[in-house]
Amino acid sequence: KSSEELALIREGARVCDLGGAAVVEAIAPGVPEF
């Protein structure tokens, strides 16, 4: 990967972390997976 690709990949990983935090926010008994 080039330096430009690596910068984009780092941002993508950061967005995934935000998505993970959102998953935890929404988890509760009785809530469907979707």
All heavy atoms as atom14 arrays in JSON, in Angstrom:
{
  "sequence": "KSSEELALIREGARVCDLGGAAVVEAIAPGVPEF",
  "atom14_mask": [
    [1, 1, 1, 1, 1, 1, 1, 1, 1, 0, 0, 0, 0, 0],
    [1, 1, 1, 1, 1, 1, 0, 0, 0, 0, 0, 0, 0, 0],
    [1, 1, 1, 1, 1, 1, 0, 0, 0, 0, 0, 0, 0, 0],
    [1, 1, 1, 1, 1, 1, 1, 1, 1, 0, 0, 0, 0, 0],
    [1, 1, 1, 1, 1, 1, 1, 1, 1, 0, 0, 0, 0, 0],
    [1, 1, 1, 1, 1, 1, 1, 1, 0, 0, 0, 0, 0, 0],
    [1, 1, 1, 1, 1, 0, 0, 0, 0, 0, 0, 0, 0, 0],
    [1, 1, 1, 1, 1, 1, 1, 1, 0, 0, 0, 0, 0, 0],
    [1, 1, 1, 1, 1, 1, 1, 1, 0, 0, 0, 0, 0, 0],
    [1, 1, 1, 1, 1, 1, 1, 1, 1, 1, 1, 0, 0, 0],
    [1, 1, 1, 1, 1, 1, 1, 1, 1, 0, 0, 0, 0, 0],
    [1, 1, 1, 1, 0, 0, 0, 0, 0, 0, 0, 0, 0, 0],
    [1, 1, 1, 1, 1, 0, 0, 0, 0, 0, 0, 0, 0, 0],
    [1, 1, 1, 1, 1, 1, 1, 1, 1, 1, 1, 0, 0, 0],
    [1, 1, 1, 1, 1, 1, 1, 0, 0, 0, 0, 0, 0, 0],
    [1, 1, 1, 1, 1, 1, 0, 0, 0, 0, 0, 0, 0, 0],
    [1, 1, 1, 1, 1, 1, 1, 1, 0, 0, 0, 0, 0, 0],
    [1, 1, 1, 1, 1, 1, 1, 1, 0, 0, 0, 0, 0, 0],
    [1, 1, 1, 1, 0, 0, 0, 0, 0, 0, 0, 0, 0, 0],
    [1, 1, 1, 1, 0, 0, 0, 0, 0, 0, 0, 0, 0, 0],
    [1, 1, 1, 1, 1, 0, 0, 0, 0, 0, 0, 0, 0, 0],
    [1, 1, 1, 1, 1, 0, 0, 0, 0, 0, 0, 0, 0, 0],
    [1, 1, 1, 1, 1, 1, 1, 0, 0, 0, 0, 0, 0, 0],
    [1, 1, 1, 1, 1, 1, 1, 0, 0, 0, 0, 0, 0, 0],
    [1, 1, 1, 1, 1, 1, 1, 1, 1, 0, 0, 0, 0, 0],
    [1, 1, 1, 1, 1, 0, 0, 0, 0, 0, 0, 0, 0, 0],
    [1, 1, 1, 1, 1, 1, 1, 1, 0, 0, 0, 0, 0, 0],
    [1, 1, 1, 1, 1, 0, 0, 0, 0, 0, 0, 0, 0, 0],
    [1, 1, 1, 1, 1, 1, 1, 0, 0, 0, 0, 0, 0, 0],
    [1, 1, 1, 1, 0, 0, 0, 0, 0, 0, 0, 0, 0, 0],
    [1, 1, 1, 1, 1, 1, 1, 0, 0, 0, 0, 0, 0, 0],
    [1, 1, 1, 1, 1, 1, 1, 0, 0, 0, 0, 0, 0, 0],
    [1, 1, 1, 1, 1, 1, 1, 1, 1, 0, 0, 0, 0, 0],
    [1, 1, 1, 1, 1, 1, 1, 1, 1, 1, 1, 0, 0, 0]
  ],
  "atom14_positions": [
    [[0.82, -1.21, 0.0], [0.0, 0.0, 0.0], [0.86, 1.27, 0.0], [1.93, 1.31, 0.61], [-0.93, 0.0, 1.22], [-1.77, -1.26, 1.39], [-2.68, -1.52, 0.21], [-3.72, -2.6, 0.46], [-3.18, -3.95, 0.53], [0.0, 0.0, 0.0], [0.0, 0.0, 0.0], [0.0, 0.0, 0.0], [0.0, 0.0, 0.0], [0.0, 0.0, 0.0]],
    [[0.34, 2.29, -0.66], [0.99, 3.6, -0.67], [0.59, 4.39, 0.58], [-0.32, 4.0, 1.32], [0.57, 4.38, -1.91], [-0.81, 4.75, -1.81], [0.0, 0.0, 0.0], [0.0, 0.0, 0.0], [0.0, 0.0, 0.0], [0.0, 0.0, 0.0], [0.0, 0.0, 0.0], [0.0, 0.0, 0.0], [0.0, 0.0, 0.0], [0.0, 0.0, 0.0]],
    [[1.25, 5.52, 0.78], [0.91, 6.36, 1.94], [-0.52, 6.88, 1.83], [-1.22, 7.01, 2.85], [1.9, 7.52, 2.05], [1.89, 8.31, 0.87], [0.0, 0.0, 0.0], [0.0, 0.0, 0.0], [0.0, 0.0, 0.0], [0.0, 0.0, 0.0], [0.0, 0.0, 0.0], [0.0, 0.0, 0.0], [0.0, 0.0, 0.0], [0.0, 0.0, 0.0]],
    [[-0.98, 7.17, 0.62], [-2.36, 7.64, 0.45], [-3.36, 6.53, 0.76], [-4.4, 6.77, 1.38], [-2.57, 8.16, -0.97], [-1.82, 9.45, -1.26], [-2.19, 10.06, -2.61], [-3.34, 9.88, -3.06], [-1.32, 10.7, -3.22], [0.0, 0.0, 0.0], [0.0, 0.0, 0.0], [0.0, 0.0, 0.0], [0.0, 0.0, 0.0], [0.0, 0.0, 0.0]],
    [[-3.05, 5.32, 0.34], [-3.93, 4.19, 0.68], [-3.97, 3.97, 2.18], [-5.04, 3.75, 2.76], [-3.43, 2.92, 0.0], [-3.68, 2.85, -1.49], [-3.17, 1.55, -2.07], [-1.95, 1.42, -2.24], [-3.99, 0.66, -2.34], [0.0, 0.0, 0.0], [0.0, 0.0, 0.0], [0.0, 0.0, 0.0], [0.0, 0.0, 0.0], [0.0, 0.0, 0.0]],
    [[-2.82, 4.03, 2.83], [-2.78, 3.79, 4.26], [-3.57, 4.83, 5.03], [-4.24, 4.51, 6.03], [-1.32, 3.76, 4.75], [-0.47, 2.6, 4.22], [0.95, 2.71, 4.74], [-1.08, 1.25, 4.59], [0.0, 0.0, 0.0], [0.0, 0.0, 0.0], [0.0, 0.0, 0.0], [0.0, 0.0, 0.0], [0.0, 0.0, 0.0], [0.0, 0.0, 0.0]],
    [[-3.54, 6.08, 4.57], [-4.34, 7.12, 5.22], [-5.83, 6.81, 5.11], [-6.58, 6.97, 6.09], [-4.02, 8.48, 4.6], [0.0, 0.0, 0.0], [0.0, 0.0, 0.0], [0.0, 0.0, 0.0], [0.0, 0.0, 0.0], [0.0, 0.0, 0.0], [0.0, 0.0, 0.0], [0.0, 0.0, 0.0], [0.0, 0.0, 0.0], [0.0, 0.0, 0.0]],
    [[-6.26, 6.35, 3.95], [-7.67, 5.99, 3.75], [-8.04, 4.78, 4.6], [-9.13, 4.73, 5.2], [-7.92, 5.71, 2.27], [-9.38, 5.48, 1.86], [-10.17, 6.78, 1.98], [-9.47, 4.95, 0.44], [0.0, 0.0, 0.0], [0.0, 0.0, 0.0], [0.0, 0.0, 0.0], [0.0, 0.0, 0.0], [0.0, 0.0, 0.0], [0.0, 0.0, 0.0]],
    [[-7.16, 3.8, 4.67], [-7.41, 2.58, 5.44], [-7.53, 2.92, 6.93], [-8.39, 2.37, 7.63], [-6.3, 1.55, 5.17], [-6.46, 0.98, 3.75], [-6.31, 0.44, 6.22], [-5.28, 0.17, 3.27], [0.0, 0.0, 0.0], [0.0, 0.0, 0.0], [0.0, 0.0, 0.0], [0.0, 0.0, 0.0], [0.0, 0.0, 0.0], [0.0, 0.0, 0.0]],
    [[-6.69, 3.81, 7.43], [-6.79, 4.22, 8.84], [-8.15, 4.84, 9.13], [-8.76, 4.58, 10.17], [-5.68, 5.21, 9.19], [-4.31, 4.6, 9.33], [-3.3, 5.61, 9.88], [-1.99, 5.0, 10.09], [-1.02, 4.99, 9.19], [-1.23, 5.58, 8.0], [0.14, 4.41, 9.45], [0.0, 0.0, 0.0], [0.0, 0.0, 0.0], [0.0, 0.0, 0.0]],
    [[-8.62, 5.68, 8.21], [-9.93, 6.3, 8.41], [-11.04, 5.25, 8.39], [-11.99, 5.32, 9.16], [-10.17, 7.35, 7.33], [-9.54, 8.69, 7.62], [-10.18, 9.34, 8.85], [-11.27, 9.93, 8.71], [-9.59, 9.24, 9.94], [0.0, 0.0, 0.0], [0.0, 0.0, 0.0], [0.0, 0.0, 0.0], [0.0, 0.0, 0.0], [0.0, 0.0, 0.0]],
    [[-10.93, 4.29, 7.49], [-11.93, 3.24, 7.44], [-11.99, 2.44, 8.73], [-13.08, 2.09, 9.22], [0.0, 0.0, 0.0], [0.0, 0.0, 0.0], [0.0, 0.0, 0.0], [0.0, 0.0, 0.0], [0.0, 0.0, 0.0], [0.0, 0.0, 0.0], [0.0, 0.0, 0.0], [0.0, 0.0, 0.0], [0.0, 0.0, 0.0], [0.0, 0.0, 0.0]],
    [[-10.82, 2.15, 9.3], [-10.79, 1.43, 10.57], [-11.42, 2.26, 11.69], [-12.12, 1.73, 12.56], [-9.35, 1.06, 10.93], [0.0, 0.0, 0.0], [0.0, 0.0, 0.0], [0.0, 0.0, 0.0], [0.0, 0.0, 0.0], [0.0, 0.0, 0.0], [0.0, 0.0, 0.0], [0.0, 0.0, 0.0], [0.0, 0.0, 0.0], [0.0, 0.0, 0.0]],
    [[-11.18, 3.57, 11.66], [-11.79, 4.45, 12.66], [-13.31, 4.43, 12.55], [-14.02, 4.39, 13.57], [-11.25, 5.88, 12.49], [-11.78, 6.86, 13.54], [-11.3, 8.27, 13.24], [-11.85, 8.79, 12.0], [-13.08, 9.31, 11.89], [-13.88, 9.37, 12.94], [-13.5, 9.76, 10.72], [0.0, 0.0, 0.0], [0.0, 0.0, 0.0], [0.0, 0.0, 0.0]],
    [[-13.82, 4.44, 11.33], [-15.27, 4.39, 11.13], [-15.83, 3.07, 11.65], [-16.91, 3.03, 12.25], [-15.61, 4.61, 9.65], [-17.1, 4.37, 9.39], [-15.21, 6.01, 9.2], [0.0, 0.0, 0.0], [0.0, 0.0, 0.0], [0.0, 0.0, 0.0], [0.0, 0.0, 0.0], [0.0, 0.0, 0.0], [0.0, 0.0, 0.0], [0.0, 0.0, 0.0]],
    [[-15.11, 1.98, 11.44], [-15.56, 0.68, 11.97], [-15.65, 0.71, 13.49], [-16.59, 0.15, 14.08], [-14.61, -0.43, 11.52], [-14.72, -0.85, 9.79], [0.0, 0.0, 0.0], [0.0, 0.0, 0.0], [0.0, 0.0, 0.0], [0.0, 0.0, 0.0], [0.0, 0.0, 0.0], [0.0, 0.0, 0.0], [0.0, 0.0, 0.0], [0.0, 0.0, 0.0]],
    [[-14.69, 1.35, 14.14], [-14.74, 1.48, 15.59], [-15.98, 2.24, 16.04], [-16.63, 1.89, 17.04], [-13.49, 2.2, 16.11], [-12.24, 1.32, 16.06], [-12.39, 0.09, 15.94], [-11.13, 1.87, 16.15], [0.0, 0.0, 0.0], [0.0, 0.0, 0.0], [0.0, 0.0, 0.0], [0.0, 0.0, 0.0], [0.0, 0.0, 0.0], [0.0, 0.0, 0.0]],
    [[-16.32, 3.3, 15.3], [-17.54, 4.05, 15.62], [-18.77, 3.17, 15.45], [-19.71, 3.22, 16.25], [-17.65, 5.28, 14.71], [-16.64, 6.4, 14.94], [-16.84, 7.5, 13.91], [-16.76, 6.96, 16.35], [0.0, 0.0, 0.0], [0.0, 0.0, 0.0], [0.0, 0.0, 0.0], [0.0, 0.0, 0.0], [0.0, 0.0, 0.0], [0.0, 0.0, 0.0]],
    [[-18.77, 2.35, 14.4], [-19.87, 1.42, 14.2], [-19.97, 0.42, 15.34], [-21.07, 0.06, 15.78], [0.0, 0.0, 0.0], [0.0, 0.0, 0.0], [0.0, 0.0, 0.0], [0.0, 0.0, 0.0], [0.0, 0.0, 0.0], [0.0, 0.0, 0.0], [0.0, 0.0, 0.0], [0.0, 0.0, 0.0], [0.0, 0.0, 0.0], [0.0, 0.0, 0.0]],
    [[-18.82, -0.04, 15.84], [-18.82, -0.97, 16.96], [-19.43, -0.34, 18.21], [-20.22, -0.98, 18.93], [0.0, 0.0, 0.0], [0.0, 0.0, 0.0], [0.0, 0.0, 0.0], [0.0, 0.0, 0.0], [0.0, 0.0, 0.0], [0.0, 0.0, 0.0], [0.0, 0.0, 0.0], [0.0, 0.0, 0.0], [0.0, 0.0, 0.0], [0.0, 0.0, 0.0]],
    [[-19.07, 0.91, 18.47], [-19.66, 1.61, 19.62], [-21.17, 1.76, 19.45], [-21.93, 1.64, 20.43], [-19.0, 2.99, 19.77], [0.0, 0.0, 0.0], [0.0, 0.0, 0.0], [0.0, 0.0, 0.0], [0.0, 0.0, 0.0], [0.0, 0.0, 0.0], [0.0, 0.0, 0.0], [0.0, 0.0, 0.0], [0.0, 0.0, 0.0], [0.0, 0.0, 0.0]],
    [[-21.62, 1.98, 18.22], [-23.06, 2.09, 17.96], [-23.77, 0.77, 18.19], [-24.91, 0.73, 18.67], [-23.29, 2.59, 16.53], [0.0, 0.0, 0.0], [0.0, 0.0, 0.0], [0.0, 0.0, 0.0], [0.0, 0.0, 0.0], [0.0, 0.0, 0.0], [0.0, 0.0, 0.0], [0.0, 0.0, 0.0], [0.0, 0.0, 0.0], [0.0, 0.0, 0.0]],
    [[-23.11, -0.34, 17.86], [-23.68, -1.66, 18.14], [-23.92, -1.82, 19.63], [-25.0, -2.23, 20.09], [-22.76, -2.78, 17.61], [-23.17, -4.13, 18.19], [-22.81, -2.84, 16.09], [0.0, 0.0, 0.0], [0.0, 0.0, 0.0], [0.0, 0.0, 0.0], [0.0, 0.0, 0.0], [0.0, 0.0, 0.0], [0.0, 0.0, 0.0], [0.0, 0.0, 0.0]],
    [[-22.92, -1.49, 20.42], [-23.04, -1.62, 21.88], [-24.17, -0.73, 22.41], [-24.93, -1.14, 23.3], [-21.7, -1.28, 22.55], [-21.85, -1.23, 24.07], [-20.64, -2.3, 22.16], [0.0, 0.0, 0.0], [0.0, 0.0, 0.0], [0.0, 0.0, 0.0], [0.0, 0.0, 0.0], [0.0, 0.0, 0.0], [0.0, 0.0, 0.0], [0.0, 0.0, 0.0]],
    [[-24.31, 0.46, 21.84], [-25.4, 1.36, 22.26], [-26.77, 0.73, 22.06], [-27.68, 0.95, 22.86], [-25.35, 2.66, 21.44], [-24.22, 3.61, 21.79], [-24.2, 4.8, 20.86], [-25.01, 4.85, 19.9], [-23.37, 5.7, 21.09], [0.0, 0.0, 0.0], [0.0, 0.0, 0.0], [0.0, 0.0, 0.0], [0.0, 0.0, 0.0], [0.0, 0.0, 0.0]],
    [[-26.92, -0.03, 21.0], [-28.25, -0.54, 20.62], [-28.58, -1.9, 21.22], [-29.72, -2.35, 21.13], [-28.35, -0.61, 19.1], [0.0, 0.0, 0.0], [0.0, 0.0, 0.0], [0.0, 0.0, 0.0], [0.0, 0.0, 0.0], [0.0, 0.0, 0.0], [0.0, 0.0, 0.0], [0.0, 0.0, 0.0], [0.0, 0.0, 0.0], [0.0, 0.0, 0.0]],
    [[-27.6, -2.56, 21.81], [-27.82, -3.91, 22.33], [-28.67, -3.86, 23.6], [-28.39, -3.11, 24.53], [-26.47, -4.59, 22.63], [-25.79, -5.0, 21.32], [-26.67, -5.81, 23.52], [-24.39, -5.56, 21.52], [0.0, 0.0, 0.0], [0.0, 0.0, 0.0], [0.0, 0.0, 0.0], [0.0, 0.0, 0.0], [0.0, 0.0, 0.0], [0.0, 0.0, 0.0]],
    [[-29.71, -4.68, 23.62], [-30.55, -4.84, 24.81], [-31.42, -6.08, 24.63], [-31.71, -6.48, 23.49], [-31.44, -3.6, 25.02], [0.0, 0.0, 0.0], [0.0, 0.0, 0.0], [0.0, 0.0, 0.0], [0.0, 0.0, 0.0], [0.0, 0.0, 0.0], [0.0, 0.0, 0.0], [0.0, 0.0, 0.0], [0.0, 0.0, 0.0], [0.0, 0.0, 0.0]],
    [[-31.84, -6.72, 25.7], [-32.74, -7.87, 25.57], [-34.01, -7.48, 24.81], [-34.58, -6.41, 25.03], [-33.07, -8.23, 27.02], [-31.91, -7.71, 27.81], [-31.49, -6.45, 27.12], [0.0, 0.0, 0.0], [0.0, 0.0, 0.0], [0.0, 0.0, 0.0], [0.0, 0.0, 0.0], [0.0, 0.0, 0.0], [0.0, 0.0, 0.0], [0.0, 0.0, 0.0]],
    [[-34.41, -8.36, 23.89], [-35.63, -8.13, 23.12], [-35.43, -7.36, 21.83], [-36.36, -7.27, 21.02], [0.0, 0.0, 0.0], [0.0, 0.0, 0.0], [0.0, 0.0, 0.0], [0.0, 0.0, 0.0], [0.0, 0.0, 0.0], [0.0, 0.0, 0.0], [0.0, 0.0, 0.0], [0.0, 0.0, 0.0], [0.0, 0.0, 0.0], [0.0, 0.0, 0.0]],
    [[-34.23, -6.82, 21.59], [-33.96, -6.07, 20.36], [-33.52, -7.06, 19.27], [-32.61, -7.86, 19.5], [-32.88, -5.01, 20.57], [-32.57, -4.28, 19.27], [-33.31, -4.02, 21.65], [0.0, 0.0, 0.0], [0.0, 0.0, 0.0], [0.0, 0.0, 0.0], [0.0, 0.0, 0.0], [0.0, 0.0, 0.0], [0.0, 0.0, 0.0], [0.0, 0.0, 0.0]],
    [[-34.12, -7.03, 18.09], [-33.7, -7.94, 17.01], [-32.31, -7.6, 16.48], [-31.87, -6.45, 16.54], [-34.76, -7.72, 15.92], [-35.89, -7.02, 16.58], [-35.29, -6.23, 17.7], [0.0, 0.0, 0.0], [0.0, 0.0, 0.0], [0.0, 0.0, 0.0], [0.0, 0.0, 0.0], [0.0, 0.0, 0.0], [0.0, 0.0, 0.0], [0.0, 0.0, 0.0]],
    [[-31.63, -8.61, 15.96], [-30.3, -8.4, 15.37], [-30.31, -7.26, 14.35], [-29.42, -6.4, 14.35], [-29.83, -9.68, 14.69], [-29.53, -10.83, 15.62], [-29.15, -12.1, 14.89], [-29.12, -12.09, 13.63], [-28.86, -13.12, 15.55], [0.0, 0.0, 0.0], [0.0, 0.0, 0.0], [0.0, 0.0, 0.0], [0.0, 0.0, 0.0], [0.0, 0.0, 0.0]],
    [[-31.31, -7.26, 13.47], [-31.29, -6.29, 12.38], [-31.46, -4.86, 12.87], [-30.92, -3.93, 12.25], [-32.36, -6.63, 11.32], [-33.78, -6.34, 11.72], [-34.35, -5.1, 11.47], [-34.54, -7.33, 12.34], [-35.67, -4.85, 11.85], [-35.85, -7.07, 12.71], [-36.43, -5.82, 12.47], [0.0, 0.0, 0.0], [0.0, 0.0, 0.0], [0.0, 0.0, 0.0]]
  ]
}
